[in-house]
C-alpha atoms as a PDB file:
ATOM      1  CA  MET A   1      33.623 123.725 155.826  1.00  0.00           C
ATOM      2  CA  LYS A   2      36.762 121.528 155.349  1.00  0.00           C
ATOM      3  CA  SER A   3      37.212 118.453 157.240  1.00  0.00           C
ATOM      4  CA  SER A   4      40.803 117.479 158.117  1.00  0.00           C
ATOM      5  CA  SER A   5      42.102 114.134 159.544  1.00  0.00           C
ATOM      6  CA  ARG A   6      44.803 116.037 161.574  1.00  0.00           C
ATOM      7  CA  THR A   7      44.272 117.428 164.541  1.00  0.00           C
ATOM      8  CA  PRO A   8      44.639 121.593 164.472  1.00  0.00           C
ATOM      9  CA  SER A   9      47.890 122.814 166.215  1.00  0.00           C
ATOM     10  CA  THR A  10      47.588 125.398 168.651  1.00  0.00           C
ATOM     11  CA  THR A  11      51.215 126.319 168.413  1.00  0.00           C
ATOM     12  CA  SER A  12      53.462 127.555 165.705  1.00  0.00           C
ATOM     13  CA  LEU A  13      56.017 124.809 166.868  1.00  0.00           C
ATOM     14  CA  PRO A  14      57.732 122.581 164.287  1.00  0.00           C
ATOM     15  CA  ARG A  15      57.155 119.076 164.142  1.00  0.00           C
ATOM     16  CA  ALA A  16      59.443 116.816 166.337  1.00  0.00           C
ATOM     17  CA  PRO A  17      62.961 115.708 164.629  1.00  0.00           C
ATOM     18  CA  ARG A  18      61.843 112.114 165.234  1.00  0.00           C
ATOM     19  CA  ASP A  19      58.521 112.369 163.556  1.00  0.00           C
ATOM     20  CA  ASP A  20      60.274 114.429 160.496  1.00  0.00           C
ATOM     21  CA  VAL A  21      62.949 111.928 160.617  1.00  0.00           C
ATOM     22  CA  ASP A  22      59.915 108.978 160.168  1.00  0.00           C
ATOM     23  CA  ALA A  23      58.063 110.796 157.409  1.00  0.00           C
ATOM     24  CA  ARG A  24      61.176 111.116 155.435  1.00  0.00           C
ATOM     25  CA  SER A  25      62.350 107.209 155.768  1.00  0.00           C
ATOM     26  CA  ILE A  26      58.660 106.569 155.020  1.00  0.00           C
ATOM     27  CA  ARG A  27      58.810 108.716 151.992  1.00  0.00           C
ATOM     28  CA  TYR A  28      62.494 107.451 150.752  1.00  0.00           C
ATOM     29  CA  LEU A  29      61.254 103.616 151.459  1.00  0.00           C
ATOM     30  CA  THR A  30      58.109 103.970 149.181  1.00  0.00           C
ATOM     31  CA  MET A  31      59.855 105.470 146.131  1.00  0.00           C
ATOM     32  CA  MET A  32      62.475 102.723 146.619  1.00  0.00           C
ATOM     33  CA  GLY A  33      59.175 100.079 146.574  1.00  0.00           C
ATOM     34  CA  VAL A  34      58.299 101.810 143.301  1.00  0.00           C
ATOM     35  CA  ARG A  35      61.691 101.527 141.742  1.00  0.00           C
ATOM     36  CA  VAL A  36      61.984  97.740 142.842  1.00  0.00           C
ATOM     37  CA  ALA A  37      58.114  97.614 140.886  1.00  0.00           C
ATOM     38  CA  CYS A  38      59.834  99.437 137.883  1.00  0.00           C
ATOM     39  CA  PHE A  39      62.691  97.086 137.588  1.00  0.00           C
ATOM     40  CA  ILE A  40      60.368  93.995 138.138  1.00  0.00           C
ATOM     41  CA  LEU A  41      57.753  94.945 135.616  1.00  0.00           C
ATOM     42  CA  MET A  42      60.396  95.848 133.294  1.00  0.00           C
ATOM     43  CA  VAL A  43      61.677  92.495 133.314  1.00  0.00           C
ATOM     44  CA  VAL A  44      58.518  90.430 133.542  1.00  0.00           C
ATOM     45  CA  ILE A  45      56.497  92.276 131.045  1.00  0.00           C
ATOM     46  CA  THR A  46      56.783  90.867 127.393  1.00  0.00           C
ATOM     47  CA  PRO A  47      56.726  91.870 124.537  1.00  0.00           C
ATOM     48  CA  TYR A  48      59.400  94.840 125.205  1.00  0.00           C
ATOM     49  CA  GLY A  49      57.783  98.387 124.017  1.00  0.00           C
ATOM     50  CA  TRP A  50      58.151 101.849 125.131  1.00  0.00           C
ATOM     51  CA  TYR A  51      56.926 100.976 128.633  1.00  0.00           C
ATOM     52  CA  THR A  52      60.131  98.767 128.988  1.00  0.00           C
ATOM     53  CA  TRP A  53      61.889 101.982 128.556  1.00  0.00           C
ATOM     54  CA  VAL A  54      59.527 104.115 130.558  1.00  0.00           C
ATOM     55  CA  LEU A  55      60.158 101.818 133.300  1.00  0.00           C
ATOM     56  CA  GLY A  56      63.666 101.789 132.816  1.00  0.00           C
ATOM     57  CA  ALA A  57      64.168 105.316 133.047  1.00  0.00           C
ATOM     58  CA  ALA A  58      61.886 105.375 136.203  1.00  0.00           C
ATOM     59  CA  ALA A  59      64.080 102.993 137.953  1.00  0.00           C
ATOM     60  CA  ILE A  60      67.194 104.940 136.625  1.00  0.00           C
ATOM     61  CA  LEU A  61      65.971 108.355 138.252  1.00  0.00           C
ATOM     62  CA  LEU A  62      63.834 107.432 141.236  1.00  0.00           C
ATOM     63  CA  PRO A  63      67.213 106.841 143.710  1.00  0.00           C
ATOM     64  CA  TYR A  64      68.118 110.589 142.781  1.00  0.00           C
ATOM     65  CA  ILE A  65      64.516 111.895 143.607  1.00  0.00           C
ATOM     66  CA  ALA A  66      63.942 109.612 146.477  1.00  0.00           C
ATOM     67  CA  VAL A  67      67.640 110.833 148.523  1.00  0.00           C
ATOM     68  CA  VAL A  68      66.833 114.707 147.568  1.00  0.00           C
ATOM     69  CA  SER A  69      63.183 114.573 148.799  1.00  0.00           C
ATOM     70  CA  ALA A  70      64.282 112.389 151.856  1.00  0.00           C
ATOM     71  CA  ASN A  71      66.863 114.932 152.673  1.00  0.00           C
ATOM     72  CA  VAL A  72      64.311 118.170 152.441  1.00  0.00           C
ATOM     73  CA  SER A  73      62.836 118.288 156.133  1.00  0.00           C
ATOM     74  CA  GLU A  74      59.284 119.511 156.624  1.00  0.00           C
ATOM     75  CA  ASN A  75      60.811 122.620 158.408  1.00  0.00           C
ATOM     76  CA  VAL A  76      62.163 123.939 155.299  1.00  0.00           C
ATOM     77  CA  ARG A  77      59.037 123.746 153.402  1.00  0.00           C
ATOM     78  CA  ARG A  78      57.043 125.440 155.703  1.00  0.00           C
ATOM     79  CA  THR A  79      59.225 128.365 156.638  1.00  0.00           C
ATOM     80  CA  VAL A  80      57.619 131.304 156.863  1.00  0.00           C
ATOM     81  CA  ARG A  81      59.333 134.800 157.662  1.00  0.00           C
ATOM     82  CA  GLU A  82      58.905 136.128 160.777  1.00  0.00           C
ATOM     83  CA  ASP A  83      59.477 139.444 161.521  1.00  0.00           C
ATOM     84  CA  PRO A  84      60.876 140.520 164.886  1.00  0.00           C
ATOM     85  CA  GLU A  85      60.420 143.808 164.580  1.00  0.00           C
ATOM     86  CA  ARG A  86      56.724 143.295 165.204  1.00  0.00           C
ATOM     87  CA  ALA A  87      57.333 142.064 168.712  1.00  0.00           C
ATOM     88  CA  LEU A  88      59.039 144.886 169.859  1.00  0.00           C
ATOM     89  CA  THR A  89      57.485 147.405 171.948  1.00  0.00           C
ATOM     90  CA  ALA A  90      57.608 151.189 171.300  1.00  0.00           C
ATOM     91  CA  ALA A  91      59.858 153.260 173.814  1.00  0.00           C
ATOM     92  CA  PRO A  92      57.923 155.220 175.965  1.00  0.00           C
ATOM     93  CA  ALA A  93      58.411 158.989 175.029  1.00  0.00           C
ATOM     94  CA  GLU A  94      60.100 161.786 177.416  1.00  0.00           C
ATOM     95  CA  PRO A  95      58.147 164.604 178.370  1.00  0.00           C
ATOM     96  CA  ALA A  96      59.278 167.647 176.285  1.00  0.00           C
ATOM     97  CA  SER A  97      59.872 169.997 179.534  1.00  0.00           C
ATOM     98  CA  ALA A  98      63.726 171.119 180.276  1.00  0.00           C
ATOM     99  CA  PRO A  99      66.586 169.350 178.996  1.00  0.00           C
ATOM    100  CA  GLU A 100      68.345 167.220 181.370  1.00  0.00           C
ATOM    101  CA  PRO A 101      72.020 168.388 182.132  1.00  0.00           C
ATOM    102  CA  ARG A 102      74.437 166.682 180.158  1.00  0.00           C
ATOM    103  CA  ALA A 103      76.425 163.597 182.235  1.00  0.00           C
ATOM    104  CA  ALA A 104      80.265 164.209 182.969  1.00  0.00           C
ATOM    105  CA  ALA A 105      82.595 163.125 180.040  1.00  0.00           C
ATOM    106  CA  PRO A 106      83.426 159.709 180.577  1.00  0.00           C
ATOM    107  CA  THR A 107      87.084 158.890 181.930  1.00  0.00           C
ATOM    108  CA  VAL A 108      89.717 157.810 179.641  1.00  0.00           C
ATOM    109  CA  ILE A 109      92.210 154.905 180.639  1.00  0.00           C
ATOM    110  CA  ARG A 110      95.171 154.930 178.876  1.00  0.00           C
ATOM    111  CA  LEU A 111      97.756 151.906 179.462  1.00  0.00           C
ATOM    112  CA  GLU A 112     100.791 152.570 178.117  1.00  0.00           C
ATOM    113  CA  GLU A 113     103.624 149.285 177.272  1.00  0.00           C
ATOM    114  CA  THR A 114     107.343 150.225 177.953  1.00  0.00           C
ATOM    115  CA  ARG A 115     109.895 148.262 176.288  1.00  0.00           C
ATOM    116  CA  PRO A 116     112.430 146.514 178.200  1.00  0.00           C
ATOM    117  CA  SER A 117     115.454 149.307 178.682  1.00  0.00           C
ATOM    118  CA  ASP A 118     118.469 148.425 176.005  1.00  0.00           C
ATOM    119  CA  ASP A 119     120.807 147.722 179.453  1.00  0.00           C
ATOM    120  CA  ALA A 120     118.732 145.035 181.076  1.00  0.00           C
ATOM    121  CA  THR A 121     119.492 143.325 177.449  1.00  0.00           C
ATOM    122  CA  THR A 122     122.930 144.076 176.274  1.00  0.00           C
ATOM    123  CA  ASP A 123     125.775 141.960 177.407  1.00  0.00           C
ATOM    124  CA  PRO A 124     128.693 143.772 178.755  1.00  0.00           C
ATOM    125  CA  ALA A 125     131.257 141.846 176.628  1.00  0.00           C
ATOM    126  CA  ASP A 126     129.296 143.385 173.803  1.00  0.00           C
ATOM    127  CA  GLY A 127     130.936 146.891 174.550  1.00  0.00           C
ATOM    128  CA  ARG A 128     127.591 148.687 173.657  1.00  0.00           C
ATOM    129  CA  GLY A 129     126.523 148.982 177.406  1.00  0.00           C
END
């Protein structure tokens, strides 16, 4: 049996946004601490050799990795597809007895726009009216 330090969750609710931000900040700051340690070790350790290049490459690449991992939230990582159709209940079946009479056809309402007459818009001095 596995022992876990985390209390099992009774719901499927995601983590609180505040907790998610805290975890991402800790992850980012830890990686930046490792980067600073790489810089210090790269300069302090002599004679310089292949490990100097490894520490330098780590110091250069860690900011990118830290930013990308800090921007990915825990909710995105644990996303599980939920099929909403499973939650729908089936409609009750209608009895196969006599068919119901059809409802009357719906009433159609038409609205017609009228343009203003030419007489109202013409100028008497124009000679067309």
